[in-house]
Amino acid sequence: MKKVFKFLKRLALWLVLLHFAYILYVWVFPPPITLTQLGSLLGGHGLHKDWVSYEEMSPQAALAVMAAEDQLFPDHNGFDWKSIEKAMAYNKRKPGRVRGASTISQQVAKNVFLWQGRSYVRKGLEVYFTFVIEALYSKQRIMELYLNVAEMGEGTFGIEAASQRYFGKPASRLSRAEAAKIAAALPNPKKYSVKPLSSYVSRRSAWIQRQMNNLEGDPDVQRILKR
């Protein structure tokens, strides 16, 4: 039993060290593959991704996802507490439905370090990783990770792969309307189609463009968009 305990103690120590090493690795380098991407590949949905640096992306891409997913991204510490309270109240009233309130930071924590799902264990780990990346990474790095690892179509991960798939151009040349269409599909990229353009994406992308117009002049937003 002493040998088993000693082995488990060493194993736990190595896991902790590897865990922190990977966090620091992702601070600087692209994650080689995520569990979600691996699941897409093994599940027969394919895996198309092409990492590009933040400087190689059109600023419209970051502006579009902030407008669509997390308009308080420049200001919060990883959590939008008011939206979380509203989501909890909604889920309590209608337990048969689930309403989320994840920020871009939370989605990066989930997409880069964890797996998809709604278990309490996964949500607890998501909270932990969100605190960690908000403490270590810059907002621009968090946005760069998000735009490179988020699923933006079946088997399509990241803004570069999505831009090439839907518009036949690099992410650096995305227009405002094109970026808004990609962002419009983010709630469920397997369901909402950018090409051919679904009615939902068409309606939502028009709303996103109006939000982009409202957000663009904000100094905090401009600091995120700065290249």
Protein backbone atom coordinates (compact mmCIF):
# COMPACT_ATOMS: atom_id res chain seq x y z
CA MET A 1 0.00 0.00 0.00
CA LYS A 2 2.88 2.36 0.74
CA LYS A 3 4.27 1.79 -2.75
CA VAL A 4 0.86 2.43 -4.29
CA PHE A 5 0.41 5.62 -2.28
CA LYS A 6 3.88 6.79 -3.25
CA PHE A 7 3.17 6.09 -6.91
CA LEU A 8 -0.14 7.96 -6.81
CA LYS A 9 1.51 10.88 -5.06
CA ARG A 10 4.19 11.10 -7.74
CA LEU A 11 1.59 10.73 -10.48
CA ALA A 12 -0.48 13.57 -9.02
CA LEU A 13 2.60 15.77 -8.79
CA TRP A 14 3.52 15.09 -12.41
CA LEU A 15 -0.02 15.79 -13.55
CA VAL A 16 -0.01 19.13 -11.74
CA LEU A 17 3.35 20.06 -13.25
CA LEU A 18 2.25 19.03 -16.75
CA HIS A 19 -0.97 20.96 -16.29
CA PHE A 20 0.85 24.21 -15.48
CA ALA A 21 3.41 23.56 -18.22
CA TYR A 22 0.62 23.27 -20.78
CA ILE A 23 -1.01 26.49 -19.59
CA LEU A 24 2.32 28.28 -20.05
CA TYR A 25 2.82 26.59 -23.44
CA VAL A 26 -0.55 27.86 -24.69
CA TRP A 27 0.34 31.30 -23.37
CA VAL A 28 2.93 31.48 -26.17
CA PHE A 29 2.27 28.73 -28.72
CA PRO A 30 -0.80 27.40 -30.55
CA PRO A 31 -2.44 24.39 -28.88
CA PRO A 32 -1.58 21.40 -31.10
CA ILE A 33 -5.12 19.95 -30.93
CA THR A 34 -8.10 20.25 -28.60
CA LEU A 35 -10.40 17.56 -27.25
CA THR A 36 -13.27 19.05 -29.26
CA GLN A 37 -11.24 18.92 -32.46
CA LEU A 38 -10.17 15.36 -31.72
CA GLY A 39 -13.79 14.42 -31.09
CA SER A 40 -14.81 15.96 -34.42
CA LEU A 41 -12.14 13.98 -36.22
CA LEU A 42 -12.91 10.66 -34.51
CA GLY A 43 -16.66 11.27 -34.85
CA GLY A 44 -16.43 11.46 -38.62
CA HIS A 45 -17.09 15.21 -38.90
CA GLY A 46 -13.59 16.00 -40.15
CA LEU A 47 -11.01 18.44 -38.91
CA HIS A 48 -10.04 21.54 -40.87
CA LYS A 49 -7.97 24.15 -39.04
CA ASP A 50 -5.23 26.58 -39.91
CA TRP A 51 -3.72 28.68 -37.13
CA VAL A 52 -3.12 32.34 -37.96
CA SER A 53 -1.73 35.02 -35.70
CA TYR A 54 -3.91 37.84 -34.42
CA GLU A 55 -2.14 40.25 -36.77
CA GLU A 56 -3.14 38.09 -39.74
CA MET A 57 -6.87 38.34 -38.96
CA SER A 58 -9.17 41.09 -40.12
CA PRO A 59 -10.16 43.27 -37.13
CA GLN A 60 -13.73 42.68 -38.29
CA ALA A 61 -13.49 39.09 -37.04
CA ALA A 62 -12.79 40.07 -33.42
CA LEU A 63 -15.37 42.86 -33.57
CA ALA A 64 -18.01 40.48 -34.94
CA VAL A 65 -17.57 37.83 -32.25
CA MET A 66 -17.59 40.45 -29.50
CA ALA A 67 -20.80 41.88 -30.93
CA ALA A 68 -22.36 38.43 -31.21
CA GLU A 69 -21.06 36.57 -28.18
CA ASP A 70 -19.67 38.89 -25.50
CA GLN A 71 -20.04 42.66 -25.75
CA LEU A 72 -18.49 43.16 -22.30
CA PHE A 73 -15.36 41.16 -23.18
CA PRO A 74 -12.95 44.14 -22.88
CA ASP A 75 -14.26 45.01 -19.42
CA HIS A 76 -15.02 41.84 -17.45
CA ASN A 77 -12.64 39.53 -15.59
CA GLY A 78 -13.85 36.43 -17.40
CA PHE A 79 -17.43 36.31 -16.16
CA ASP A 80 -20.53 38.31 -17.00
CA TRP A 81 -22.28 38.00 -13.66
CA LYS A 82 -25.51 39.74 -14.69
CA SER A 83 -25.95 37.40 -17.66
CA ILE A 84 -25.17 34.41 -15.44
CA GLU A 85 -27.87 35.49 -12.97
CA LYS A 86 -30.38 35.92 -15.80
CA ALA A 87 -29.49 32.51 -17.26
CA MET A 88 -29.87 30.83 -13.85
CA ALA A 89 -33.26 32.45 -13.33
CA TYR A 90 -34.38 31.41 -16.82
CA ASN A 91 -33.20 27.81 -16.34
CA LYS A 92 -35.02 27.66 -13.00
CA ARG A 93 -38.28 28.83 -14.59
CA LYS A 94 -37.91 26.51 -17.58
CA PRO A 95 -35.90 23.46 -16.51
CA GLY A 96 -36.60 21.72 -19.80
CA ARG A 97 -34.53 24.32 -21.62
CA VAL A 98 -30.97 25.49 -21.05
CA ARG A 99 -29.83 29.06 -21.53
CA GLY A 100 -26.10 29.76 -21.43
CA ALA A 101 -24.18 32.87 -20.43
CA SER A 102 -20.60 31.96 -21.33
CA THR A 103 -18.15 34.74 -22.07
CA ILE A 104 -15.46 34.45 -24.73
CA SER A 105 -12.96 33.75 -21.93
CA GLN A 106 -15.09 30.88 -20.62
CA GLN A 107 -15.43 29.47 -24.12
CA VAL A 108 -11.65 29.57 -24.56
CA ALA A 109 -11.23 27.74 -21.23
CA LYS A 110 -13.65 25.07 -22.43
CA ASN A 111 -12.48 24.82 -26.03
CA VAL A 112 -8.73 24.82 -25.36
CA PHE A 113 -8.37 22.92 -22.07
CA LEU A 114 -11.55 20.92 -21.59
CA TRP A 115 -14.32 19.07 -23.39
CA GLN A 116 -17.90 19.80 -24.40
CA GLY A 117 -20.70 18.98 -21.97
CA ARG A 118 -22.76 20.36 -19.13
CA SER A 119 -21.61 18.33 -16.11
CA TYR A 120 -20.82 20.07 -12.82
CA VAL A 121 -17.24 18.78 -13.00
CA ARG A 122 -16.68 20.32 -16.42
CA LYS A 123 -18.30 23.61 -15.39
CA GLY A 124 -16.19 23.74 -12.24
CA LEU A 125 -12.99 23.20 -14.22
CA GLU A 126 -14.16 25.85 -16.70
CA VAL A 127 -14.42 28.38 -13.87
CA TYR A 128 -10.90 27.51 -12.72
CA PHE A 129 -9.34 27.76 -16.18
CA THR A 130 -11.19 31.01 -16.87
CA PHE A 131 -9.64 32.58 -13.76
CA VAL A 132 -6.20 31.31 -14.80
CA ILE A 133 -6.24 32.57 -18.38
CA GLU A 134 -7.69 35.93 -17.36
CA ALA A 135 -4.86 36.28 -14.85
CA LEU A 136 -2.07 35.22 -17.23
CA TYR A 137 -3.14 35.97 -20.79
CA SER A 138 -3.86 39.32 -22.37
CA LYS A 139 -7.30 40.00 -23.80
CA GLN A 140 -5.79 39.93 -27.27
CA ARG A 141 -4.26 36.50 -26.62
CA ILE A 142 -7.60 35.18 -25.37
CA MET A 143 -9.29 36.54 -28.48
CA GLU A 144 -6.56 35.06 -30.71
CA LEU A 145 -7.12 31.65 -29.12
CA TYR A 146 -10.89 31.94 -29.46
CA LEU A 147 -10.76 32.87 -33.13
CA ASN A 148 -8.42 29.97 -33.84
CA VAL A 149 -10.09 27.13 -31.94
CA ALA A 150 -13.84 27.86 -32.01
CA GLU A 151 -15.86 25.55 -34.23
CA MET A 152 -17.29 27.65 -37.07
CA GLY A 153 -18.89 24.92 -39.14
CA GLU A 154 -19.00 21.14 -39.13
CA GLY A 155 -15.39 20.06 -38.78
CA THR A 156 -14.19 23.62 -39.40
CA PHE A 157 -12.22 25.25 -36.60
CA GLY A 158 -10.96 28.80 -36.53
CA ILE A 159 -11.50 31.93 -38.54
CA GLU A 160 -8.93 31.10 -41.24
CA ALA A 161 -10.48 27.72 -42.09
CA ALA A 162 -13.97 29.26 -41.98
CA SER A 163 -12.98 32.18 -44.21
CA GLN A 164 -11.42 29.85 -46.77
CA ARG A 165 -14.39 27.46 -46.66
CA TYR A 166 -17.16 30.03 -46.98
CA PHE A 167 -15.60 32.89 -48.91
CA GLY A 168 -12.46 31.49 -50.55
CA LYS A 169 -10.18 34.11 -49.01
CA PRO A 170 -7.81 34.45 -46.04
CA ALA A 171 -9.11 35.74 -42.73
CA SER A 172 -7.05 38.90 -43.21
CA ARG A 173 -9.41 39.97 -46.00
CA LEU A 174 -12.76 39.28 -44.34
CA SER A 175 -15.29 42.06 -44.76
CA ARG A 176 -17.61 43.23 -42.00
CA ALA A 177 -20.59 41.41 -43.51
CA GLU A 178 -18.63 38.17 -43.96
CA ALA A 179 -17.27 38.24 -40.40
CA ALA A 180 -20.80 38.86 -39.10
CA LYS A 181 -22.12 35.83 -40.98
CA ILE A 182 -19.48 33.55 -39.46
CA ALA A 183 -20.18 34.96 -35.99
CA ALA A 184 -23.91 34.47 -36.46
CA ALA A 185 -23.47 30.70 -36.74
CA LEU A 186 -21.39 30.35 -33.54
CA PRO A 187 -24.22 29.33 -31.20
CA ASN A 188 -24.60 26.08 -33.17
CA PRO A 189 -22.25 25.88 -36.18
CA LYS A 190 -23.43 22.38 -37.10
CA LYS A 191 -27.01 23.61 -37.37
CA TYR A 192 -26.77 27.16 -38.70
CA SER A 193 -25.37 27.36 -42.20
CA VAL A 194 -23.19 30.17 -43.55
CA LYS A 195 -23.02 28.66 -47.01
CA PRO A 196 -25.66 28.14 -48.22
CA LEU A 197 -26.88 31.06 -46.13
CA SER A 198 -29.64 30.04 -43.73
CA SER A 199 -32.45 32.43 -42.87
CA TYR A 200 -31.29 32.48 -39.22
CA VAL A 201 -27.72 33.47 -40.12
CA SER A 202 -29.01 36.11 -42.52
CA ARG A 203 -31.23 37.73 -39.87
CA ARG A 204 -28.72 37.44 -37.04
CA SER A 205 -25.78 38.70 -39.09
CA ALA A 206 -27.72 41.89 -39.87
CA TRP A 207 -28.27 42.41 -36.13
CA ILE A 208 -24.58 41.68 -35.44
CA GLN A 209 -23.49 44.32 -37.96
CA ARG A 210 -25.62 46.90 -36.17
CA GLN A 211 -24.01 45.92 -32.88
CA MET A 212 -20.57 46.17 -34.48
CA ASN A 213 -21.37 49.74 -35.51
CA ASN A 214 -22.31 50.54 -31.91
CA LEU A 215 -19.25 48.90 -30.36
CA GLU A 216 -16.54 49.99 -32.76
CA GLY A 217 -16.02 53.46 -31.31
CA ASP A 218 -15.54 52.26 -27.74
CA PRO A 219 -11.92 52.89 -26.60
CA ASP A 220 -11.76 49.55 -24.74
CA VAL A 221 -12.96 47.72 -27.84
CA GLN A 222 -10.39 49.56 -29.92
CA ARG A 223 -7.62 48.34 -27.61
CA ILE A 224 -8.70 44.75 -28.33
CA LEU A 225 -8.81 45.40 -32.08
CA LYS A 226 -5.42 47.12 -32.22
CA ARG A 227 -2.80 45.23 -34.22
